């Protein structure tokens, strides 16, 4: 996906079973970030930074997405007092549509996983900005800065 393209349609449940779709978010900008796994070090840093910055985003929704299930998301949210929804993409539908379900390698072992990526989507449903291969520390501040400069 590239800046200026329409964000792909999605319909994903959050940690409580509430379904979120593009239609729910139409007419306002939103942040949707994709991370590999609940309660791992980098993902926790990223989520907690979005949690701490959440008041500064005002009425702009922030959504986290990973292939973990709703139960895992619920535990992660409770443990770190997260204040935004975490969506379940355990069938990698949206991850594949975005091209961020990719082959990775660790200690010589290859596996499929999420390429940490964030999108800022405009009120018109088009991608305003995207960050690929995100470094978690300081990322929420980067996104907020871009949002403020729209």
N, C-alpha and C. Protein backbone atom coordinates (compact mmCIF):
# COMPACT_ATOMS: atom_id res chain seq x y z
N UNK A 1 0.85 -1.19 0.00
CA UNK A 1 0.00 0.00 0.00
C UNK A 1 0.89 1.24 0.00
N UNK A 2 0.35 2.29 -0.58
CA UNK A 2 1.09 3.54 -0.66
C UNK A 2 0.23 4.71 -0.22
N UNK A 3 0.89 5.78 0.17
CA UNK A 3 0.19 7.00 0.53
C UNK A 3 -0.70 7.41 -0.64
N UNK A 4 -1.93 7.83 -0.31
CA UNK A 4 -2.89 8.25 -1.32
C UNK A 4 -3.85 7.15 -1.75
N UNK A 5 -3.51 5.89 -1.47
CA UNK A 5 -4.40 4.79 -1.82
C UNK A 5 -5.47 4.63 -0.75
N UNK A 6 -6.63 4.08 -1.15
CA UNK A 6 -7.66 3.76 -0.17
C UNK A 6 -7.17 2.63 0.72
N UNK A 7 -7.42 2.77 2.02
CA UNK A 7 -7.08 1.69 2.94
C UNK A 7 -8.03 0.52 2.65
N UNK A 8 -7.54 -0.72 2.65
CA UNK A 8 -8.40 -1.85 2.31
C UNK A 8 -9.58 -2.00 3.28
N UNK A 9 -10.71 -2.46 2.79
CA UNK A 9 -11.85 -2.68 3.67
C UNK A 9 -11.51 -3.76 4.70
N UNK A 10 -12.06 -3.59 5.90
CA UNK A 10 -11.84 -4.61 6.93
C UNK A 10 -13.05 -4.71 7.85
N UNK A 11 -13.14 -5.85 8.49
CA UNK A 11 -14.16 -6.12 9.49
C UNK A 11 -13.52 -7.06 10.49
N UNK A 12 -13.04 -6.50 11.62
CA UNK A 12 -12.30 -7.27 12.61
C UNK A 12 -12.88 -7.03 14.00
N UNK A 13 -12.93 -8.08 14.79
CA UNK A 13 -13.42 -7.98 16.17
C UNK A 13 -12.28 -7.53 17.08
N UNK A 14 -12.67 -6.81 18.14
CA UNK A 14 -11.68 -6.41 19.14
C UNK A 14 -11.67 -7.41 20.29
N UNK A 15 -10.96 -7.06 21.35
CA UNK A 15 -10.79 -7.93 22.51
C UNK A 15 -12.11 -8.28 23.19
N UNK A 16 -13.15 -7.46 23.00
CA UNK A 16 -14.45 -7.71 23.62
C UNK A 16 -15.47 -8.29 22.65
N UNK A 17 -15.05 -8.54 21.41
CA UNK A 17 -15.95 -9.08 20.41
C UNK A 17 -16.67 -8.03 19.57
N UNK A 18 -16.45 -6.74 19.87
CA UNK A 18 -17.05 -5.68 19.06
C UNK A 18 -16.36 -5.66 17.70
N UNK A 19 -17.16 -5.61 16.63
CA UNK A 19 -16.61 -5.62 15.28
C UNK A 19 -16.38 -4.18 14.81
N UNK A 20 -15.19 -3.94 14.28
CA UNK A 20 -14.79 -2.64 13.74
C UNK A 20 -14.65 -2.77 12.22
N UNK A 21 -15.16 -1.77 11.49
CA UNK A 21 -15.06 -1.77 10.03
C UNK A 21 -14.63 -0.39 9.56
N UNK A 22 -14.26 -0.32 8.28
CA UNK A 22 -13.94 0.99 7.69
C UNK A 22 -15.15 1.91 7.80
N UNK A 23 -16.33 1.36 7.58
CA UNK A 23 -17.55 2.18 7.61
C UNK A 23 -17.73 2.86 8.96
N UNK A 24 -17.37 2.16 10.04
CA UNK A 24 -17.48 2.74 11.39
C UNK A 24 -16.60 3.97 11.54
N UNK A 25 -15.52 4.01 10.79
CA UNK A 25 -14.51 5.06 10.95
C UNK A 25 -14.58 6.13 9.86
N UNK A 26 -15.49 5.95 8.91
CA UNK A 26 -15.60 6.88 7.78
C UNK A 26 -15.88 8.30 8.27
N UNK A 27 -15.25 9.25 7.60
CA UNK A 27 -15.49 10.65 7.92
C UNK A 27 -14.57 11.24 8.97
N UNK A 28 -13.67 10.43 9.48
CA UNK A 28 -12.68 10.95 10.45
C UNK A 28 -11.37 10.20 10.28
N UNK A 29 -10.28 10.86 10.58
CA UNK A 29 -8.99 10.16 10.48
C UNK A 29 -8.86 9.12 11.60
N UNK A 30 -8.01 8.14 11.37
CA UNK A 30 -7.70 7.16 12.42
C UNK A 30 -6.30 6.61 12.23
N UNK A 31 -5.76 6.08 13.30
CA UNK A 31 -4.45 5.43 13.30
C UNK A 31 -4.69 3.95 13.50
N UNK A 32 -4.07 3.14 12.63
CA UNK A 32 -4.17 1.69 12.78
C UNK A 32 -2.75 1.13 12.69
N UNK A 33 -2.32 0.50 13.77
CA UNK A 33 -0.95 -0.02 13.78
C UNK A 33 -0.97 -1.54 13.95
N UNK A 34 0.00 -2.17 13.33
CA UNK A 34 0.09 -3.63 13.28
C UNK A 34 1.36 -4.06 13.98
N UNK A 35 1.21 -5.03 14.87
CA UNK A 35 2.34 -5.49 15.67
C UNK A 35 2.34 -7.02 15.73
N UNK A 36 3.50 -7.62 15.99
CA UNK A 36 3.61 -9.08 15.91
C UNK A 36 2.90 -9.88 17.01
N UNK A 37 3.07 -9.50 18.28
CA UNK A 37 2.57 -10.38 19.34
C UNK A 37 2.34 -9.64 20.65
N UNK A 38 1.20 -9.94 21.26
CA UNK A 38 0.87 -9.35 22.56
C UNK A 38 1.94 -9.67 23.61
N UNK A 39 2.21 -8.67 24.44
CA UNK A 39 3.03 -8.82 25.65
C UNK A 39 4.47 -9.27 25.39
N UNK A 40 5.00 -8.94 24.21
CA UNK A 40 6.42 -9.13 23.96
C UNK A 40 7.08 -7.76 24.17
N UNK A 41 8.39 -7.73 24.29
CA UNK A 41 9.05 -6.48 24.70
C UNK A 41 8.77 -5.30 23.76
N UNK A 42 9.04 -5.45 22.47
CA UNK A 42 8.83 -4.34 21.54
C UNK A 42 7.37 -3.95 21.42
N UNK A 43 6.50 -4.94 21.38
CA UNK A 43 5.07 -4.67 21.24
C UNK A 43 4.52 -3.98 22.49
N UNK A 44 5.06 -4.31 23.64
CA UNK A 44 4.64 -3.65 24.88
C UNK A 44 5.11 -2.20 24.89
N UNK A 45 6.33 -1.95 24.48
CA UNK A 45 6.83 -0.57 24.40
C UNK A 45 5.92 0.25 23.49
N UNK A 46 5.64 -0.27 22.31
CA UNK A 46 4.82 0.45 21.34
C UNK A 46 3.40 0.71 21.89
N UNK A 47 2.77 -0.32 22.44
CA UNK A 47 1.42 -0.18 22.97
C UNK A 47 1.37 0.82 24.13
N UNK A 48 2.33 0.74 25.02
CA UNK A 48 2.34 1.65 26.17
C UNK A 48 2.60 3.10 25.75
N UNK A 49 3.40 3.30 24.71
CA UNK A 49 3.60 4.66 24.21
C UNK A 49 2.31 5.20 23.59
N UNK A 50 1.59 4.36 22.83
CA UNK A 50 0.29 4.81 22.30
C UNK A 50 -0.69 5.06 23.46
N UNK A 51 -0.65 4.21 24.48
CA UNK A 51 -1.51 4.42 25.66
C UNK A 51 -1.24 5.77 26.31
N UNK A 52 0.04 6.06 26.53
CA UNK A 52 0.40 7.30 27.21
C UNK A 52 0.09 8.54 26.36
N UNK A 53 0.20 8.41 25.04
CA UNK A 53 -0.05 9.54 24.14
C UNK A 53 -1.53 9.63 23.75
N UNK A 54 -2.32 8.63 24.07
CA UNK A 54 -3.71 8.56 23.61
C UNK A 54 -4.49 9.85 23.85
N UNK A 55 -4.40 10.51 25.02
CA UNK A 55 -5.14 11.75 25.21
C UNK A 55 -4.78 12.84 24.19
N UNK A 56 -3.54 12.84 23.72
CA UNK A 56 -3.09 13.83 22.74
C UNK A 56 -3.67 13.59 21.35
N UNK A 57 -4.17 12.40 21.09
CA UNK A 57 -4.78 12.09 19.80
C UNK A 57 -6.22 12.62 19.72
N UNK A 58 -6.76 13.06 20.86
CA UNK A 58 -8.11 13.62 20.86
C UNK A 58 -9.14 12.62 20.39
N UNK A 59 -9.97 13.03 19.42
CA UNK A 59 -11.04 12.14 18.94
C UNK A 59 -10.60 11.25 17.78
N UNK A 60 -9.30 11.21 17.50
CA UNK A 60 -8.77 10.34 16.44
C UNK A 60 -8.58 8.93 17.03
N UNK A 61 -9.34 7.95 16.55
CA UNK A 61 -9.19 6.59 17.08
C UNK A 61 -7.81 6.01 16.81
N UNK A 62 -7.33 5.24 17.76
CA UNK A 62 -6.10 4.47 17.62
C UNK A 62 -6.50 3.01 17.77
N UNK A 63 -6.10 2.19 16.80
CA UNK A 63 -6.43 0.76 16.80
C UNK A 63 -5.15 -0.04 16.65
N UNK A 64 -4.96 -1.04 17.48
CA UNK A 64 -3.85 -1.96 17.33
C UNK A 64 -4.36 -3.25 16.72
N UNK A 65 -3.55 -3.90 15.89
CA UNK A 65 -3.96 -5.15 15.24
C UNK A 65 -2.81 -6.15 15.29
N UNK A 66 -3.13 -7.39 15.66
CA UNK A 66 -2.16 -8.48 15.58
C UNK A 66 -2.92 -9.77 15.32
N UNK A 67 -2.19 -10.84 15.02
CA UNK A 67 -2.86 -12.13 14.79
C UNK A 67 -3.26 -12.84 16.09
N UNK A 68 -2.97 -12.26 17.25
CA UNK A 68 -3.35 -12.90 18.51
C UNK A 68 -4.87 -12.91 18.67
N UNK A 69 -5.37 -13.81 19.50
CA UNK A 69 -6.82 -13.92 19.69
C UNK A 69 -7.33 -12.91 20.72
N UNK A 70 -8.65 -12.85 20.85
CA UNK A 70 -9.29 -11.87 21.73
C UNK A 70 -8.88 -12.07 23.19
N UNK A 71 -8.74 -13.31 23.62
CA UNK A 71 -8.36 -13.58 25.01
C UNK A 71 -6.96 -13.02 25.29
N UNK A 72 -6.04 -13.24 24.38
CA UNK A 72 -4.68 -12.71 24.53
C UNK A 72 -4.70 -11.18 24.55
N UNK A 73 -5.48 -10.59 23.64
CA UNK A 73 -5.60 -9.12 23.61
C UNK A 73 -6.15 -8.60 24.94
N UNK A 74 -7.16 -9.27 25.47
CA UNK A 74 -7.76 -8.84 26.73
C UNK A 74 -6.76 -8.85 27.88
N UNK A 75 -5.97 -9.91 27.97
CA UNK A 75 -4.94 -10.01 29.02
C UNK A 75 -3.89 -8.90 28.85
N UNK A 76 -3.46 -8.68 27.61
CA UNK A 76 -2.46 -7.65 27.30
C UNK A 76 -3.00 -6.27 27.69
N UNK A 77 -4.24 -6.02 27.33
CA UNK A 77 -4.84 -4.71 27.65
C UNK A 77 -4.93 -4.50 29.16
N UNK A 78 -5.39 -5.53 29.86
CA UNK A 78 -5.57 -5.41 31.31
C UNK A 78 -4.21 -5.23 32.01
N UNK A 79 -3.23 -6.03 31.61
CA UNK A 79 -1.91 -5.98 32.24
C UNK A 79 -1.27 -4.60 32.10
N UNK A 80 -1.49 -3.94 30.95
CA UNK A 80 -0.82 -2.66 30.69
C UNK A 80 -1.78 -1.47 30.64
N UNK A 81 -3.02 -1.69 31.09
CA UNK A 81 -4.04 -0.62 31.15
C UNK A 81 -4.15 0.13 29.82
N UNK A 82 -4.21 -0.63 28.72
CA UNK A 82 -4.31 0.00 27.41
C UNK A 82 -5.68 0.65 27.24
N UNK A 83 -5.71 1.79 26.58
CA UNK A 83 -6.93 2.61 26.47
C UNK A 83 -7.40 2.77 25.02
N UNK A 84 -7.19 1.74 24.23
CA UNK A 84 -7.64 1.72 22.84
C UNK A 84 -7.87 0.26 22.46
N UNK A 85 -8.71 0.00 21.44
CA UNK A 85 -9.01 -1.39 21.08
C UNK A 85 -7.87 -2.10 20.38
N UNK A 86 -7.82 -3.41 20.59
CA UNK A 86 -6.89 -4.28 19.89
C UNK A 86 -7.72 -5.23 19.04
N UNK A 87 -7.49 -5.20 17.73
CA UNK A 87 -8.28 -6.00 16.80
C UNK A 87 -7.58 -7.33 16.49
N UNK A 88 -8.39 -8.35 16.27
CA UNK A 88 -7.92 -9.70 16.00
C UNK A 88 -7.90 -9.94 14.49
N UNK A 89 -6.73 -10.26 13.95
CA UNK A 89 -6.62 -10.67 12.54
C UNK A 89 -5.90 -12.00 12.49
N UNK A 90 -6.49 -13.00 13.20
CA UNK A 90 -5.82 -14.29 13.32
C UNK A 90 -5.85 -15.11 12.03
N UNK A 91 -6.64 -14.69 11.05
CA UNK A 91 -6.61 -15.34 9.74
C UNK A 91 -5.79 -14.54 8.73
N UNK A 92 -5.16 -13.47 9.20
CA UNK A 92 -4.26 -12.62 8.42
C UNK A 92 -4.92 -12.03 7.17
N UNK A 93 -6.22 -11.78 7.22
CA UNK A 93 -6.93 -11.23 6.06
C UNK A 93 -6.44 -9.81 5.75
N UNK A 94 -6.48 -8.93 6.75
CA UNK A 94 -6.03 -7.56 6.52
C UNK A 94 -4.51 -7.50 6.39
N UNK A 95 -3.81 -8.30 7.18
CA UNK A 95 -2.35 -8.34 7.09
C UNK A 95 -1.90 -8.71 5.67
N UNK A 96 -2.56 -9.68 5.06
CA UNK A 96 -2.21 -10.07 3.69
C UNK A 96 -2.61 -9.00 2.70
N UNK A 97 -3.78 -8.39 2.89
CA UNK A 97 -4.23 -7.33 1.97
C UNK A 97 -3.24 -6.17 1.95
N UNK A 98 -2.61 -5.91 3.09
CA UNK A 98 -1.64 -4.82 3.19
C UNK A 98 -0.23 -5.26 2.79
N UNK A 99 -0.03 -6.55 2.65
CA UNK A 99 1.30 -7.05 2.29
C UNK A 99 2.28 -7.04 3.44
N UNK A 100 1.76 -7.09 4.68
CA UNK A 100 2.65 -7.04 5.84
C UNK A 100 2.67 -8.34 6.63
N UNK A 101 2.08 -9.41 6.08
CA UNK A 101 2.25 -10.77 6.62
C UNK A 101 3.37 -11.36 5.78
N UNK A 102 4.58 -11.39 6.34
CA UNK A 102 5.78 -11.66 5.56
C UNK A 102 6.62 -12.78 6.17
N UNK A 103 7.51 -13.30 5.35
CA UNK A 103 8.46 -14.29 5.85
C UNK A 103 9.52 -13.57 6.67
N UNK A 104 9.76 -14.10 7.84
CA UNK A 104 10.77 -13.54 8.73
C UNK A 104 11.77 -14.64 9.07
N UNK A 105 12.85 -14.26 9.72
CA UNK A 105 13.86 -15.24 10.09
C UNK A 105 14.43 -14.87 11.46
N UNK A 106 14.54 -15.88 12.32
CA UNK A 106 15.17 -15.68 13.63
C UNK A 106 16.03 -16.90 13.93
N UNK A 107 17.29 -16.63 14.22
CA UNK A 107 18.23 -17.70 14.52
C UNK A 107 18.26 -18.75 13.40
N UNK A 108 18.12 -18.28 12.16
CA UNK A 108 18.17 -19.17 11.00
C UNK A 108 16.87 -19.89 10.68
N UNK A 109 15.87 -19.72 11.55
CA UNK A 109 14.57 -20.37 11.32
C UNK A 109 13.63 -19.39 10.62
N UNK A 110 13.01 -19.83 9.54
CA UNK A 110 12.09 -18.99 8.79
C UNK A 110 10.66 -19.24 9.28
N UNK A 111 9.87 -18.19 9.34
CA UNK A 111 8.47 -18.29 9.76
C UNK A 111 7.72 -17.08 9.21
N UNK A 112 6.39 -17.14 9.23
CA UNK A 112 5.56 -16.03 8.78
C UNK A 112 5.19 -15.17 9.99
N UNK A 113 5.21 -13.85 9.78
CA UNK A 113 4.88 -12.95 10.88
C UNK A 113 4.54 -11.56 10.37
N UNK A 114 4.20 -10.70 11.31
CA UNK A 114 3.79 -9.33 11.01
C UNK A 114 5.01 -8.43 10.87
N UNK A 115 5.05 -7.67 9.79
CA UNK A 115 6.05 -6.61 9.66
C UNK A 115 5.44 -5.39 10.36
N UNK A 116 6.04 -4.97 11.45
CA UNK A 116 5.50 -3.87 12.26
C UNK A 116 5.30 -2.62 11.39
N UNK A 117 4.05 -2.22 11.24
CA UNK A 117 3.69 -1.14 10.32
C UNK A 117 2.54 -0.32 10.91
N UNK A 118 2.55 0.97 10.64
CA UNK A 118 1.48 1.86 11.10
C UNK A 118 0.97 2.69 9.93
N UNK A 119 -0.35 2.90 9.92
CA UNK A 119 -0.99 3.74 8.90
C UNK A 119 -1.78 4.84 9.58
N UNK A 120 -1.67 6.03 9.03
CA UNK A 120 -2.55 7.14 9.38
C UNK A 120 -3.50 7.27 8.20
N UNK A 121 -4.78 7.05 8.46
CA UNK A 121 -5.80 7.06 7.42
C UNK A 121 -6.62 8.33 7.57
N UNK A 122 -6.82 9.02 6.46
CA UNK A 122 -7.58 10.27 6.48
C UNK A 122 -9.07 10.04 6.53
N UNK A 123 -9.82 11.11 6.75
CA UNK A 123 -11.27 11.06 6.83
C UNK A 123 -11.89 10.51 5.55
N UNK A 124 -11.16 10.63 4.44
CA UNK A 124 -11.65 10.13 3.14
C UNK A 124 -11.32 8.66 2.92
N UNK A 125 -10.70 8.01 3.91
CA UNK A 125 -10.37 6.60 3.81
C UNK A 125 -9.06 6.31 3.09
N UNK A 126 -8.34 7.37 2.71
CA UNK A 126 -7.06 7.19 2.02
C UNK A 126 -5.90 7.26 3.00
N UNK A 127 -4.84 6.54 2.68
CA UNK A 127 -3.65 6.53 3.52
C UNK A 127 -2.95 7.88 3.41
N UNK A 128 -2.81 8.55 4.54
CA UNK A 128 -2.14 9.86 4.60
C UNK A 128 -0.64 9.66 4.84
N UNK A 129 -0.32 8.67 5.68
CA UNK A 129 1.08 8.39 5.99
C UNK A 129 1.19 6.93 6.41
N UNK A 130 2.38 6.36 6.18
CA UNK A 130 2.62 5.01 6.66
C UNK A 130 4.07 4.90 7.12
N UNK A 131 4.25 4.05 8.10
CA UNK A 131 5.57 3.77 8.65
C UNK A 131 5.79 2.27 8.54
N UNK A 132 6.84 1.86 7.86
CA UNK A 132 7.16 0.45 7.70
C UNK A 132 8.34 0.10 8.59
N UNK A 133 8.40 -1.17 8.98
CA UNK A 133 9.50 -1.68 9.82
C UNK A 133 9.75 -0.73 11.00
N UNK A 134 8.68 -0.45 11.70
CA UNK A 134 8.67 0.51 12.81
C UNK A 134 9.60 0.07 13.94
N UNK A 135 10.32 1.03 14.47
CA UNK A 135 11.06 0.85 15.72
C UNK A 135 10.12 1.34 16.82
N UNK A 136 9.75 0.50 17.79
CA UNK A 136 8.71 0.85 18.76
C UNK A 136 8.98 2.11 19.59
N UNK A 137 10.19 2.28 20.09
CA UNK A 137 10.47 3.41 20.98
C UNK A 137 10.36 4.73 20.21
N UNK A 138 9.50 5.61 20.71
CA UNK A 138 9.32 6.93 20.11
C UNK A 138 8.34 6.97 18.94
N UNK A 139 7.78 5.83 18.58
CA UNK A 139 6.93 5.78 17.40
C UNK A 139 5.61 6.54 17.58
N UNK A 140 4.96 6.38 18.71
CA UNK A 140 3.68 7.08 18.93
C UNK A 140 3.86 8.59 18.77
N UNK A 141 4.98 9.12 19.24
CA UNK A 141 5.26 10.56 19.11
C UNK A 141 5.41 10.95 17.64
N UNK A 142 6.04 10.08 16.83
CA UNK A 142 6.18 10.34 15.39
C UNK A 142 4.80 10.45 14.73
N UNK A 143 3.93 9.51 15.06
CA UNK A 143 2.60 9.48 14.47
C UNK A 143 1.81 10.72 14.89
N UNK A 144 1.90 11.07 16.16
CA UNK A 144 1.21 12.25 16.67
C UNK A 144 1.70 13.52 15.98
N UNK A 145 3.00 13.62 15.77
CA UNK A 145 3.56 14.79 15.10
C UNK A 145 3.01 14.91 13.67
N UNK A 146 2.95 13.79 12.97
CA UNK A 146 2.41 13.81 11.60
C UNK A 146 0.94 14.22 11.61
N UNK A 147 0.19 13.70 12.55
CA UNK A 147 -1.22 14.03 12.66
C UNK A 147 -1.43 15.51 12.92
N UNK A 148 -0.61 16.06 13.78
CA UNK A 148 -0.71 17.51 14.09
C UNK A 148 -0.37 18.38 12.91
N UNK A 149 0.45 17.88 11.98
CA UNK A 149 0.89 18.66 10.82
C UNK A 149 0.03 18.45 9.59
N UNK A 150 -1.13 17.80 9.75
CA UNK A 150 -2.02 17.59 8.61
C UNK A 150 -2.74 18.88 8.26
